[in-house]
Amino acid sequence: MKRIALALWICLFGAGVAMGQGPYGPGAGPATDVLGAHLLYGRGCPGCHAPHSGALGNGLAVTKDPNTGNVALWGEDASTLFGVTIQTGNTGTQTFSETLPASWMAGTPDVLGLLTCLTCHDGNTAKGPMMKGVLYETVPPKIYGTNPIPTFIGTNGYQNDHPVGLNATIGCGGGGDNWDCVNTAGVISWPAGSKMAQFVQNYGFFVQPQAYGGQATVQCTTCHNQHVMNVVSVTNGPNSGLATANYYTMFFIRAPYNPATDNPLANQTAQFCRQCHAGESNEVNGGTAGTVF
């Protein structure tokens, strides 16, 4: 029962956080630690970032990863994932092929943006130390009912997950799902007066695509901030017209996002997806609705 949000290897937020509709309020924020599920049962940062000896320092028997720990002090064993090809995002007519980096030193954005995530969230070739396979926190029953929420995404293949990797890209130029944006060497901008500029004013552009080969690629970290689970700090400015405040979010999403809202007219969750999927936006379809929390 996996949910597709641009990086489905997500841990959800705990019941201790109030179900806010949008901003927490002036000067307010979550009452629980922002690292949330990535506190890893109290172990915290060293669960992923081993300060000494990489994966060996985390007690893992690494035989094929001579560069363990050399990138971001990463302390999980990626050796079984090196060079593996996965297919993501089956649309019925297309899947997106990604050959994972063959080394930590590959220098491509899928090293830190994808490979690091899969060392824990794959569950297929990389079993993920500290991972139990299902979510250990309580989430609102209105989202998932009583079903256990999986944290491994590779056990049943990746084709029902959102496209990620060097071949999953965000397009510009208008038409279809593309915004009338401009792609400059993989960096997306929006001209004044464009429909995307109006959308950014109404919601924002919080995602962080990674430039590669002149394209804006979608990695796990494009949509997810692995270090902050339950809040996003928004500043009214060129990347968002929302009021400056701390906003409620879940799933480690980089933007205001709340599918468990009690407001039936809320569209903040849809707005998040529309950052890349322009064809479903109010602005492209002539609507005048902004963002409703």
Protein backbone atom coordinates (compact mmCIF):
# COMPACT_ATOMS: atom_id res chain seq x y z
CA MET A 1 0.00 0.00 0.00
CA LYS A 2 2.68 2.39 -1.03
CA ARG A 3 1.89 6.04 -1.62
CA ILE A 4 3.61 7.91 -4.40
CA ALA A 5 5.23 11.09 -3.44
CA LEU A 6 8.46 11.88 -5.21
CA ALA A 7 10.41 9.71 -2.85
CA LEU A 8 8.37 7.02 -1.41
CA TRP A 9 10.94 5.71 0.98
CA ILE A 10 9.45 7.90 3.69
CA CYS A 11 8.75 7.62 7.37
CA LEU A 12 5.61 9.34 8.47
CA PHE A 13 5.01 11.64 11.34
CA GLY A 14 3.96 10.73 14.85
CA ALA A 15 0.72 11.30 16.68
CA GLY A 16 2.34 13.77 19.04
CA VAL A 17 2.11 16.56 16.45
CA ALA A 18 -1.13 18.51 16.24
CA MET A 19 -3.01 18.24 12.94
CA GLY A 20 -2.56 21.85 11.81
CA GLN A 21 -4.14 23.15 8.64
CA GLY A 22 -1.28 25.38 7.50
CA PRO A 23 0.94 27.75 9.48
CA TYR A 24 1.58 26.73 13.07
CA GLY A 25 1.03 30.32 14.13
CA PRO A 26 3.34 33.26 14.83
CA GLY A 27 6.56 31.98 16.31
CA ALA A 28 5.14 28.48 16.72
CA GLY A 29 6.29 25.11 15.49
CA PRO A 30 6.06 21.39 16.18
CA ALA A 31 6.31 20.10 19.74
CA THR A 32 8.20 16.98 18.69
CA ASP A 33 11.76 16.76 17.37
CA VAL A 34 11.92 17.85 13.73
CA LEU A 35 14.09 14.85 12.81
CA GLY A 36 11.09 12.67 13.61
CA ALA A 37 11.31 9.11 12.34
CA HIS A 38 14.93 9.64 11.36
CA LEU A 39 15.83 9.79 15.02
CA LEU A 40 16.12 6.02 14.40
CA TYR A 41 14.84 4.84 17.76
CA GLY A 42 16.96 7.41 19.55
CA ARG A 43 20.21 6.82 17.71
CA GLY A 44 19.83 9.97 15.66
CA CYS A 45 22.38 11.33 13.20
CA PRO A 46 25.03 8.59 13.65
CA GLY A 47 22.49 6.05 12.37
CA CYS A 48 23.30 7.35 8.88
CA HIS A 49 26.37 9.54 9.29
CA ALA A 50 29.06 7.49 10.99
CA PRO A 51 31.66 9.95 12.28
CA HIS A 52 34.47 7.37 12.03
CA SER A 53 35.16 4.46 9.64
CA GLY A 54 31.95 4.71 7.61
CA ALA A 55 29.78 1.61 7.53
CA LEU A 56 32.48 -0.29 9.37
CA GLY A 57 32.03 2.12 12.24
CA ASN A 58 28.35 1.17 12.32
CA GLY A 59 29.23 -2.48 12.76
CA LEU A 60 28.58 -3.58 9.17
CA ALA A 61 30.75 -6.14 7.43
CA VAL A 62 31.61 -4.31 4.22
CA THR A 63 33.56 -6.19 1.58
CA LYS A 64 32.95 -4.25 -1.66
CA ASP A 65 32.87 -0.62 -0.58
CA PRO A 66 36.39 0.80 -0.18
CA ASN A 67 34.98 4.35 -0.10
CA THR A 68 32.54 3.79 2.74
CA GLY A 69 32.18 6.97 4.77
CA ASN A 70 34.07 9.12 2.25
CA VAL A 71 30.89 10.95 1.14
CA ALA A 72 28.79 12.75 3.76
CA LEU A 73 30.31 10.39 6.37
CA TRP A 74 27.75 7.87 5.12
CA GLY A 75 27.67 4.90 7.43
CA GLU A 76 25.42 2.40 5.62
CA ASP A 77 26.59 -0.32 3.24
CA ALA A 78 25.76 0.52 -0.39
CA SER A 79 27.94 -2.18 -1.96
CA THR A 80 25.01 -4.40 -2.97
CA LEU A 81 23.37 -1.48 -4.81
CA PHE A 82 26.35 -0.31 -6.86
CA GLY A 83 25.59 -0.52 -10.58
CA VAL A 84 22.14 -2.04 -10.09
CA THR A 85 19.52 -0.98 -12.67
CA ILE A 86 16.00 -0.24 -11.45
CA GLN A 87 12.86 0.73 -13.34
CA THR A 88 10.65 3.35 -11.72
CA GLY A 89 7.38 5.07 -12.52
CA ASN A 90 5.43 2.71 -14.77
CA THR A 91 2.94 4.95 -16.60
CA GLY A 92 1.52 2.10 -18.68
CA THR A 93 3.59 3.16 -21.68
CA GLN A 94 6.87 4.18 -20.09
CA THR A 95 9.19 3.35 -17.25
CA PHE A 96 12.27 5.28 -16.20
CA SER A 97 15.50 3.35 -16.09
CA GLU A 98 18.12 4.26 -13.52
CA THR A 99 21.47 2.56 -13.20
CA LEU A 100 22.64 3.35 -9.70
CA PRO A 101 26.15 4.76 -9.25
CA ALA A 102 28.95 2.21 -9.30
CA SER A 103 30.79 4.02 -6.53
CA TRP A 104 30.34 6.69 -3.90
CA MET A 105 32.82 8.71 -5.94
CA ALA A 106 30.73 8.78 -9.16
CA GLY A 107 30.11 12.50 -8.81
CA THR A 108 26.53 12.35 -10.11
CA PRO A 109 23.50 13.75 -8.22
CA ASP A 110 22.04 10.29 -7.70
CA VAL A 111 24.83 9.51 -5.22
CA LEU A 112 23.53 11.74 -2.44
CA GLY A 113 20.03 12.18 -3.87
CA LEU A 114 19.09 8.52 -4.37
CA LEU A 115 21.74 5.96 -3.45
CA THR A 116 22.00 7.17 0.14
CA CYS A 117 18.23 6.80 0.59
CA LEU A 118 18.15 3.30 -0.85
CA THR A 119 20.87 2.04 1.47
CA CYS A 120 18.14 2.03 4.13
CA HIS A 121 14.86 2.11 2.19
CA ASP A 122 15.47 -0.46 -0.55
CA GLY A 123 14.81 -3.59 1.50
CA ASN A 124 15.67 -5.82 -1.45
CA THR A 125 19.42 -5.99 -2.04
CA ALA A 126 20.17 -3.48 0.74
CA LYS A 127 18.38 -4.62 3.87
CA GLY A 128 18.64 -1.33 5.73
CA PRO A 129 20.08 -1.54 9.25
CA MET A 130 17.84 0.03 11.90
CA MET A 131 14.84 -0.41 9.59
CA LYS A 132 11.96 -2.62 10.69
CA GLY A 133 10.16 -2.72 7.35
CA VAL A 134 7.02 -1.01 8.60
CA LEU A 135 6.41 2.35 10.20
CA TYR A 136 6.78 2.34 13.96
CA GLU A 137 5.00 5.63 14.56
CA THR A 138 1.27 6.31 14.74
CA VAL A 139 -0.26 8.13 11.80
CA PRO A 140 -3.79 9.50 11.32
CA PRO A 141 -6.10 6.59 10.47
CA LYS A 142 -7.85 8.69 7.85
CA ILE A 143 -4.77 8.31 5.63
CA TYR A 144 -3.81 4.66 5.88
CA GLY A 145 -6.52 3.04 7.97
CA THR A 146 -5.21 0.23 10.15
CA ASN A 147 -2.78 -1.16 7.58
CA PRO A 148 0.92 -1.22 8.45
CA ILE A 149 2.79 1.38 6.43
CA PRO A 150 5.84 0.01 4.64
CA THR A 151 9.21 1.72 4.73
CA PHE A 152 10.93 -0.58 2.21
CA ILE A 153 10.18 0.21 -1.43
CA GLY A 154 12.36 -2.20 -3.38
CA THR A 155 10.87 -5.45 -2.10
CA ASN A 156 8.14 -5.47 -4.76
CA GLY A 157 10.04 -3.62 -7.44
CA TYR A 158 10.04 0.11 -8.12
CA GLN A 159 7.59 0.49 -10.99
CA ASN A 160 4.76 1.68 -8.76
CA ASP A 161 6.96 4.43 -7.34
CA HIS A 162 7.40 7.92 -8.69
CA PRO A 163 10.17 8.22 -11.32
CA VAL A 164 13.56 9.08 -9.89
CA GLY A 165 17.09 9.10 -11.20
CA LEU A 166 19.15 10.74 -13.89
CA ASN A 167 16.49 10.05 -16.56
CA ALA A 168 13.55 11.43 -14.58
CA THR A 169 13.46 15.11 -15.45
CA ILE A 170 11.27 18.19 -15.06
CA GLY A 171 10.46 19.86 -18.37
CA CYS A 172 9.77 23.48 -19.31
CA GLY A 173 8.34 25.30 -22.30
CA GLY A 174 4.64 24.71 -21.63
CA GLY A 175 2.33 22.06 -23.03
CA GLY A 176 1.31 18.79 -21.41
CA ASP A 177 2.56 18.69 -17.83
CA ASN A 178 5.26 21.30 -18.40
CA TRP A 179 5.20 24.78 -16.92
CA ASP A 180 6.02 27.81 -19.06
CA CYS A 181 9.32 27.95 -17.24
CA VAL A 182 12.91 28.26 -18.45
CA ASN A 183 15.54 25.55 -18.01
CA THR A 184 19.05 26.96 -17.88
CA ALA A 185 21.59 24.12 -17.61
CA GLY A 186 19.26 22.20 -15.31
CA VAL A 187 18.16 25.18 -13.21
CA ILE A 188 14.48 26.10 -13.48
CA SER A 189 13.27 29.70 -13.43
CA TRP A 190 9.94 31.35 -14.18
CA PRO A 191 9.58 34.54 -16.24
CA ALA A 192 7.53 37.40 -14.83
CA GLY A 193 3.95 37.18 -16.02
CA SER A 194 4.12 33.44 -16.70
CA LYS A 195 1.56 31.00 -15.36
CA MET A 196 4.30 29.40 -13.30
CA ALA A 197 5.15 32.77 -11.75
CA GLN A 198 1.53 33.06 -10.66
CA PHE A 199 1.62 29.55 -9.20
CA VAL A 200 4.80 30.35 -7.28
CA GLN A 201 3.04 33.40 -5.88
CA ASN A 202 0.04 31.27 -4.89
CA TYR A 203 2.07 28.42 -3.39
CA GLY A 204 5.75 28.28 -4.16
CA PHE A 205 8.54 26.23 -5.69
CA PHE A 206 9.99 24.20 -2.85
CA VAL A 207 11.28 21.15 -4.70
CA GLN A 208 15.00 20.90 -5.40
CA PRO A 209 15.70 19.18 -8.74
CA GLN A 210 19.34 18.32 -9.33
CA ALA A 211 21.08 19.56 -12.47
CA TYR A 212 22.68 16.87 -14.61
CA GLY A 213 23.39 16.83 -18.34
CA GLY A 214 21.58 20.14 -18.75
CA GLN A 215 18.37 18.72 -17.28
CA ALA A 216 16.59 19.19 -13.95
CA THR A 217 16.54 15.65 -12.58
CA VAL A 218 14.24 14.23 -9.91
CA GLN A 219 15.95 12.47 -7.02
CA CYS A 220 14.50 11.40 -3.66
CA THR A 221 15.82 14.60 -2.11
CA THR A 222 14.08 16.70 -4.75
CA CYS A 223 10.86 16.39 -2.78
CA HIS A 224 12.03 15.15 0.62
CA ASN A 225 14.16 16.86 3.24
CA GLN A 226 15.48 13.87 5.13
CA HIS A 227 16.50 16.02 8.08
CA VAL A 228 13.18 17.74 8.84
CA MET A 229 10.00 15.67 9.04
CA ASN A 230 7.16 17.78 10.35
CA VAL A 231 7.70 21.45 9.54
CA VAL A 232 8.83 23.70 6.71
CA SER A 233 9.92 27.28 7.29
CA VAL A 234 8.57 29.51 4.52
CA THR A 235 9.81 33.01 3.78
CA ASN A 236 7.63 35.21 1.61
CA GLY A 237 9.87 36.02 -1.31
CA PRO A 238 10.85 35.02 -4.86
CA ASN A 239 10.22 31.29 -4.30
CA SER A 240 6.86 31.56 -2.51
CA GLY A 241 4.14 34.11 -1.95
CA LEU A 242 2.84 32.43 1.19
CA ALA A 243 2.96 34.38 4.43
CA THR A 244 6.26 33.98 6.26
CA ALA A 245 5.72 31.29 8.90
CA ASN A 246 6.49 27.74 9.97
CA TYR A 247 4.09 25.47 8.07
CA TYR A 248 2.84 22.01 8.87
CA THR A 249 4.09 19.16 6.69
CA MET A 250 4.52 15.39 6.86
CA PHE A 251 6.43 12.61 5.10
CA PHE A 252 9.60 14.76 5.18
CA ILE A 253 8.06 16.79 2.35
CA ARG A 254 9.90 20.05 1.58
CA ALA A 255 6.71 22.13 1.39
CA PRO A 256 3.40 22.73 3.19
CA TYR A 257 1.65 19.37 2.83
CA ASN A 258 -1.19 17.81 4.80
CA PRO A 259 -3.39 15.06 3.30
CA ALA A 260 -4.91 14.55 6.75
CA THR A 261 -6.39 18.04 6.95
CA ASP A 262 -9.92 18.40 8.29
CA ASN A 263 -10.74 21.09 5.72
CA PRO A 264 -12.56 19.52 2.73
CA LEU A 265 -11.67 22.51 0.56
CA ALA A 266 -7.94 22.37 1.29
CA ASN A 267 -5.70 22.03 -1.76
CA GLN A 268 -2.22 22.33 -0.26
CA THR A 269 -1.41 18.68 -0.96
CA ALA A 270 -2.46 19.03 -4.60
CA GLN A 271 -0.41 22.22 -4.81
CA PHE A 272 2.69 20.30 -3.85
CA CYS A 273 2.31 17.94 -6.81
CA ARG A 274 1.56 20.82 -9.17
CA GLN A 275 5.06 22.22 -8.68
CA CYS A 276 6.10 19.79 -11.41
CA HIS A 277 2.73 18.77 -12.88
CA ALA A 278 1.52 22.01 -14.42
CA GLY A 279 -1.27 20.42 -16.44
CA GLU A 280 -3.29 19.83 -13.28
CA SER A 281 -2.83 23.34 -11.87
CA ASN A 282 -5.46 26.03 -11.47
CA GLU A 283 -3.28 28.55 -13.26
CA VAL A 284 -2.83 26.55 -16.46
CA ASN A 285 -6.54 25.68 -16.52
CA GLY A 286 -7.72 29.25 -16.11
CA GLY A 287 -8.69 28.87 -12.45
CA THR A 288 -8.23 31.64 -9.93
CA ALA A 289 -7.96 29.57 -6.73
CA GLY A 290 -4.86 30.11 -4.64
CA THR A 291 -3.71 27.85 -1.82
CA VAL A 292 -6.27 26.76 0.76
CA PHE A 293 -5.15 25.18 4.05
